[in-house]
Structure formats: structure tokens, C-alpha cells
Amino acid sequence: MPNTRSAMKRMRQAERKQQRNQRFRSAARTYIKKTRRLIAEGKLEEAQEVAQKAVSTMDRAASKGILHRNNVARRKSRLMRQLNQALGQNSGE
């Protein structure tokens, strides 16, 4: 437990920030998982829509400092690469 009043306040602030940040992290992870699942199932148009939401959520988290911008760039790159590869395979058939 914190000993000083300022340390107690810092603990309360950290807890509030942690809960607020968790919403963004969780939403981003959920959209990424949904996109990957849709790609695996071959539902590429739906996957594109969900990927757009994933990218938007990750960008918002990066702008607020919740996720590091390079981390977000890497995740977006990997997700879009998977989607584009699936789209490329689908158009070739």
C-alpha cells in the first residue's frame, strides 16, 4: 500500500487509466481476431470491413499513447498483408 497521500492519488489515477486503456486494447485485439477468422473462412468482404475497424481502433490507441506507434504499424502491416494475400489468391481462381 502507498504511504503518502500523493502516492494514493497516483494509484487511483493509474487504475482509472488502466481501465480506460484496456477498452482500446481489447477492442483492437477483438477486431484483429475477427478479421483473421473471416479470412480463414473465406469471407473476404466482411474481413475487409472488420479490418478497417481494427485499423481505426489501433490508430486511435496509438494517438492516445495506449499502444506504441511502431507496434500499431507492425500489427496493421501484418493484418493487411494477410488480407491482401487472401484477396490475391481468391482473384486468381
N, C-alpha and C. Protein backbone atom coordinates (compact mmCIF):
# COMPACT_ATOMS: atom_id res chain seq x y z
N MET A 1 0.83 -1.19 0.00
CA MET A 1 0.00 0.00 0.00
C MET A 1 0.87 1.25 0.00
N PRO A 2 0.37 2.30 -0.67
CA PRO A 2 1.12 3.56 -0.68
C PRO A 2 1.12 4.21 0.71
N ASN A 3 2.18 4.91 1.00
CA ASN A 3 2.32 5.53 2.31
C ASN A 3 1.86 6.98 2.34
N THR A 4 2.01 7.69 1.23
CA THR A 4 1.69 9.11 1.23
C THR A 4 0.37 9.36 0.49
N ARG A 5 -0.19 10.52 0.74
CA ARG A 5 -1.45 10.88 0.07
C ARG A 5 -1.24 10.97 -1.44
N SER A 6 -0.10 11.53 -1.85
CA SER A 6 0.15 11.67 -3.29
C SER A 6 0.30 10.31 -3.96
N ALA A 7 0.92 9.37 -3.24
CA ALA A 7 1.07 8.02 -3.80
C ALA A 7 -0.29 7.33 -3.91
N MET A 8 -1.17 7.57 -2.96
CA MET A 8 -2.52 7.01 -3.02
C MET A 8 -3.28 7.56 -4.23
N LYS A 9 -3.12 8.87 -4.44
CA LYS A 9 -3.79 9.51 -5.57
C LYS A 9 -3.24 8.95 -6.88
N ARG A 10 -1.92 8.78 -6.96
CA ARG A 10 -1.29 8.23 -8.16
C ARG A 10 -1.81 6.82 -8.44
N MET A 11 -2.02 6.05 -7.38
CA MET A 11 -2.53 4.69 -7.53
C MET A 11 -3.95 4.73 -8.11
N ARG A 12 -4.79 5.63 -7.61
CA ARG A 12 -6.15 5.77 -8.13
C ARG A 12 -6.13 6.20 -9.60
N GLN A 13 -5.26 7.14 -9.93
CA GLN A 13 -5.16 7.62 -11.31
C GLN A 13 -4.71 6.49 -12.24
N ALA A 14 -3.72 5.73 -11.80
CA ALA A 14 -3.20 4.64 -12.61
C ALA A 14 -4.28 3.59 -12.87
N GLU A 15 -5.09 3.34 -11.87
CA GLU A 15 -6.17 2.36 -12.01
C GLU A 15 -7.19 2.82 -13.04
N ARG A 16 -7.55 4.10 -12.98
CA ARG A 16 -8.51 4.65 -13.95
C ARG A 16 -7.96 4.59 -15.36
N LYS A 17 -6.69 4.97 -15.52
CA LYS A 17 -6.06 4.93 -16.85
C LYS A 17 -5.99 3.50 -17.37
N GLN A 18 -5.67 2.57 -16.49
CA GLN A 18 -5.57 1.17 -16.87
C GLN A 18 -6.91 0.65 -17.41
N GLN A 19 -8.00 1.00 -16.74
CA GLN A 19 -9.32 0.57 -17.19
C GLN A 19 -9.69 1.21 -18.52
N ARG A 20 -9.37 2.48 -18.68
CA ARG A 20 -9.68 3.19 -19.92
C ARG A 20 -8.88 2.61 -21.08
N ASN A 21 -7.59 2.36 -20.83
CA ASN A 21 -6.72 1.82 -21.88
C ASN A 21 -7.12 0.40 -22.25
N GLN A 22 -7.61 -0.37 -21.30
CA GLN A 22 -7.97 -1.76 -21.54
C GLN A 22 -9.07 -1.86 -22.60
N ARG A 23 -9.98 -0.89 -22.62
CA ARG A 23 -11.06 -0.91 -23.62
C ARG A 23 -10.50 -0.86 -25.03
N PHE A 24 -9.53 0.02 -25.26
CA PHE A 24 -8.94 0.16 -26.59
C PHE A 24 -8.15 -1.09 -26.97
N ARG A 25 -7.34 -1.58 -26.03
CA ARG A 25 -6.53 -2.77 -26.31
C ARG A 25 -7.42 -3.96 -26.64
N SER A 26 -8.46 -4.14 -25.83
CA SER A 26 -9.36 -5.26 -26.01
C SER A 26 -10.09 -5.17 -27.35
N ALA A 27 -10.58 -3.98 -27.67
CA ALA A 27 -11.31 -3.79 -28.93
C ALA A 27 -10.40 -4.07 -30.12
N ALA A 28 -9.17 -3.59 -30.07
CA ALA A 28 -8.23 -3.83 -31.17
C ALA A 28 -7.97 -5.32 -31.34
N ARG A 29 -7.73 -6.02 -30.24
CA ARG A 29 -7.48 -7.46 -30.31
C ARG A 29 -8.68 -8.20 -30.87
N THR A 30 -9.88 -7.80 -30.45
CA THR A 30 -11.10 -8.45 -30.90
C THR A 30 -11.26 -8.30 -32.41
N TYR A 31 -11.07 -7.08 -32.92
CA TYR A 31 -11.21 -6.84 -34.36
C TYR A 31 -10.16 -7.63 -35.15
N ILE A 32 -8.94 -7.70 -34.63
CA ILE A 32 -7.89 -8.45 -35.32
C ILE A 32 -8.26 -9.92 -35.40
N LYS A 33 -8.74 -10.47 -34.27
CA LYS A 33 -9.13 -11.89 -34.26
C LYS A 33 -10.29 -12.14 -35.22
N LYS A 34 -11.28 -11.24 -35.23
CA LYS A 34 -12.42 -11.40 -36.13
C LYS A 34 -11.96 -11.37 -37.58
N THR A 35 -11.06 -10.45 -37.90
CA THR A 35 -10.56 -10.34 -39.27
C THR A 35 -9.86 -11.62 -39.68
N ARG A 36 -8.98 -12.13 -38.82
CA ARG A 36 -8.25 -13.36 -39.15
C ARG A 36 -9.19 -14.54 -39.31
N ARG A 37 -10.22 -14.61 -38.46
CA ARG A 37 -11.18 -15.70 -38.56
C ARG A 37 -11.95 -15.63 -39.89
N LEU A 38 -12.37 -14.42 -40.26
CA LEU A 38 -13.10 -14.23 -41.51
C LEU A 38 -12.23 -14.55 -42.72
N ILE A 39 -10.95 -14.21 -42.65
CA ILE A 39 -10.03 -14.54 -43.75
C ILE A 39 -9.93 -16.06 -43.88
N ALA A 40 -9.80 -16.75 -42.75
CA ALA A 40 -9.69 -18.21 -42.77
C ALA A 40 -10.95 -18.85 -43.32
N GLU A 41 -12.11 -18.25 -43.03
CA GLU A 41 -13.38 -18.80 -43.51
C GLU A 41 -13.65 -18.42 -44.96
N GLY A 42 -12.86 -17.50 -45.51
CA GLY A 42 -13.04 -17.09 -46.90
C GLY A 42 -14.06 -15.98 -47.09
N LYS A 43 -14.50 -15.36 -46.03
CA LYS A 43 -15.46 -14.24 -46.11
C LYS A 43 -14.67 -12.94 -46.20
N LEU A 44 -14.14 -12.69 -47.39
CA LEU A 44 -13.15 -11.62 -47.54
C LEU A 44 -13.77 -10.22 -47.51
N GLU A 45 -15.00 -10.07 -48.02
CA GLU A 45 -15.61 -8.74 -47.99
C GLU A 45 -15.91 -8.31 -46.56
N GLU A 46 -16.41 -9.24 -45.75
CA GLU A 46 -16.66 -8.95 -44.34
C GLU A 46 -15.33 -8.67 -43.64
N ALA A 47 -14.31 -9.44 -44.00
CA ALA A 47 -12.99 -9.28 -43.39
C ALA A 47 -12.44 -7.88 -43.67
N GLN A 48 -12.68 -7.37 -44.86
CA GLN A 48 -12.21 -6.02 -45.19
C GLN A 48 -12.87 -4.98 -44.30
N GLU A 49 -14.16 -5.12 -44.07
CA GLU A 49 -14.88 -4.16 -43.23
C GLU A 49 -14.36 -4.20 -41.79
N VAL A 50 -14.17 -5.42 -41.26
CA VAL A 50 -13.70 -5.56 -39.89
C VAL A 50 -12.25 -5.08 -39.78
N ALA A 51 -11.46 -5.33 -40.82
CA ALA A 51 -10.06 -4.87 -40.83
C ALA A 51 -10.01 -3.35 -40.75
N GLN A 52 -10.94 -2.69 -41.43
CA GLN A 52 -11.00 -1.23 -41.39
C GLN A 52 -11.25 -0.75 -39.96
N LYS A 53 -12.15 -1.44 -39.26
CA LYS A 53 -12.42 -1.08 -37.86
C LYS A 53 -11.20 -1.34 -36.99
N ALA A 54 -10.50 -2.45 -37.27
CA ALA A 54 -9.31 -2.79 -36.49
C ALA A 54 -8.25 -1.70 -36.66
N VAL A 55 -8.02 -1.28 -37.89
CA VAL A 55 -7.02 -0.26 -38.18
C VAL A 55 -7.40 1.05 -37.49
N SER A 56 -8.68 1.41 -37.56
CA SER A 56 -9.15 2.64 -36.94
C SER A 56 -8.94 2.60 -35.43
N THR A 57 -9.28 1.48 -34.82
CA THR A 57 -9.14 1.34 -33.37
C THR A 57 -7.67 1.40 -32.96
N MET A 58 -6.81 0.73 -33.72
CA MET A 58 -5.39 0.74 -33.39
C MET A 58 -4.80 2.14 -33.55
N ASP A 59 -5.20 2.84 -34.61
CA ASP A 59 -4.71 4.21 -34.82
C ASP A 59 -5.13 5.12 -33.67
N ARG A 60 -6.37 4.95 -33.21
CA ARG A 60 -6.87 5.77 -32.10
C ARG A 60 -6.06 5.48 -30.84
N ALA A 61 -5.77 4.20 -30.61
CA ALA A 61 -4.99 3.82 -29.43
C ALA A 61 -3.57 4.40 -29.52
N ALA A 62 -3.00 4.41 -30.72
CA ALA A 62 -1.66 4.95 -30.89
C ALA A 62 -1.66 6.46 -30.66
N SER A 63 -2.70 7.14 -31.14
CA SER A 63 -2.75 8.59 -30.98
C SER A 63 -2.89 8.99 -29.51
N LYS A 64 -3.53 8.12 -28.71
CA LYS A 64 -3.70 8.40 -27.29
C LYS A 64 -2.53 7.89 -26.46
N GLY A 65 -1.56 7.22 -27.11
CA GLY A 65 -0.40 6.73 -26.39
C GLY A 65 -0.64 5.42 -25.66
N ILE A 66 -1.74 4.74 -25.97
CA ILE A 66 -2.05 3.48 -25.32
C ILE A 66 -1.17 2.37 -25.88
N LEU A 67 -1.03 2.37 -27.21
CA LEU A 67 -0.13 1.43 -27.89
C LEU A 67 0.95 2.24 -28.58
N HIS A 68 2.14 1.69 -28.66
CA HIS A 68 3.24 2.38 -29.33
C HIS A 68 2.99 2.42 -30.83
N ARG A 69 3.34 3.53 -31.46
CA ARG A 69 3.01 3.69 -32.89
C ARG A 69 3.69 2.65 -33.76
N ASN A 70 4.91 2.23 -33.42
CA ASN A 70 5.58 1.20 -34.22
C ASN A 70 4.90 -0.15 -34.03
N ASN A 71 4.42 -0.42 -32.84
CA ASN A 71 3.68 -1.65 -32.56
C ASN A 71 2.41 -1.67 -33.41
N VAL A 72 1.71 -0.56 -33.46
CA VAL A 72 0.49 -0.46 -34.26
C VAL A 72 0.81 -0.63 -35.74
N ALA A 73 1.87 0.00 -36.20
CA ALA A 73 2.25 -0.11 -37.61
C ALA A 73 2.55 -1.56 -37.97
N ARG A 74 3.25 -2.25 -37.09
CA ARG A 74 3.59 -3.66 -37.34
C ARG A 74 2.33 -4.53 -37.40
N ARG A 75 1.42 -4.32 -36.46
CA ARG A 75 0.18 -5.12 -36.43
C ARG A 75 -0.67 -4.85 -37.67
N LYS A 76 -0.78 -3.58 -38.04
CA LYS A 76 -1.57 -3.24 -39.23
C LYS A 76 -0.96 -3.86 -40.47
N SER A 77 0.36 -3.78 -40.56
CA SER A 77 1.06 -4.33 -41.72
C SER A 77 0.81 -5.82 -41.86
N ARG A 78 0.93 -6.55 -40.77
CA ARG A 78 0.73 -8.00 -40.80
C ARG A 78 -0.71 -8.35 -41.16
N LEU A 79 -1.65 -7.61 -40.58
CA LEU A 79 -3.06 -7.89 -40.84
C LEU A 79 -3.41 -7.63 -42.30
N MET A 80 -2.96 -6.49 -42.82
CA MET A 80 -3.27 -6.15 -44.20
C MET A 80 -2.56 -7.08 -45.18
N ARG A 81 -1.37 -7.53 -44.81
CA ARG A 81 -0.65 -8.48 -45.68
C ARG A 81 -1.44 -9.78 -45.79
N GLN A 82 -1.96 -10.25 -44.65
CA GLN A 82 -2.77 -11.48 -44.66
C GLN A 82 -4.01 -11.29 -45.53
N LEU A 83 -4.67 -10.16 -45.37
CA LEU A 83 -5.89 -9.89 -46.12
C LEU A 83 -5.60 -9.79 -47.61
N ASN A 84 -4.55 -9.08 -47.96
CA ASN A 84 -4.20 -8.91 -49.38
C ASN A 84 -3.78 -10.22 -50.02
N GLN A 85 -3.08 -11.07 -49.27
CA GLN A 85 -2.70 -12.37 -49.80
C GLN A 85 -3.95 -13.21 -50.06
N ALA A 86 -4.90 -13.16 -49.15
CA ALA A 86 -6.15 -13.92 -49.33
C ALA A 86 -6.93 -13.38 -50.52
N LEU A 87 -6.96 -12.06 -50.67
CA LEU A 87 -7.65 -11.47 -51.80
C LEU A 87 -6.96 -11.84 -53.11
N GLY A 88 -5.64 -11.87 -53.11
CA GLY A 88 -4.88 -12.24 -54.30
C GLY A 88 -5.12 -13.69 -54.71
N GLN A 89 -5.17 -14.58 -53.74
CA GLN A 89 -5.43 -15.98 -54.03
C GLN A 89 -6.85 -16.17 -54.54
N ASN A 90 -7.77 -15.42 -53.98
CA ASN A 90 -9.17 -15.54 -54.35
C ASN A 90 -9.41 -15.04 -55.79
N SER A 91 -8.75 -13.94 -56.19
CA SER A 91 -8.95 -13.38 -57.53
C SER A 91 -8.27 -14.24 -58.60
N GLY A 92 -7.24 -14.99 -58.21
CA GLY A 92 -6.51 -15.83 -59.17
C GLY A 92 -7.29 -17.06 -59.59
N GLU A 93 -8.28 -17.44 -58.79
CA GLU A 93 -9.04 -18.66 -59.10
C GLU A 93 -10.11 -18.42 -60.12
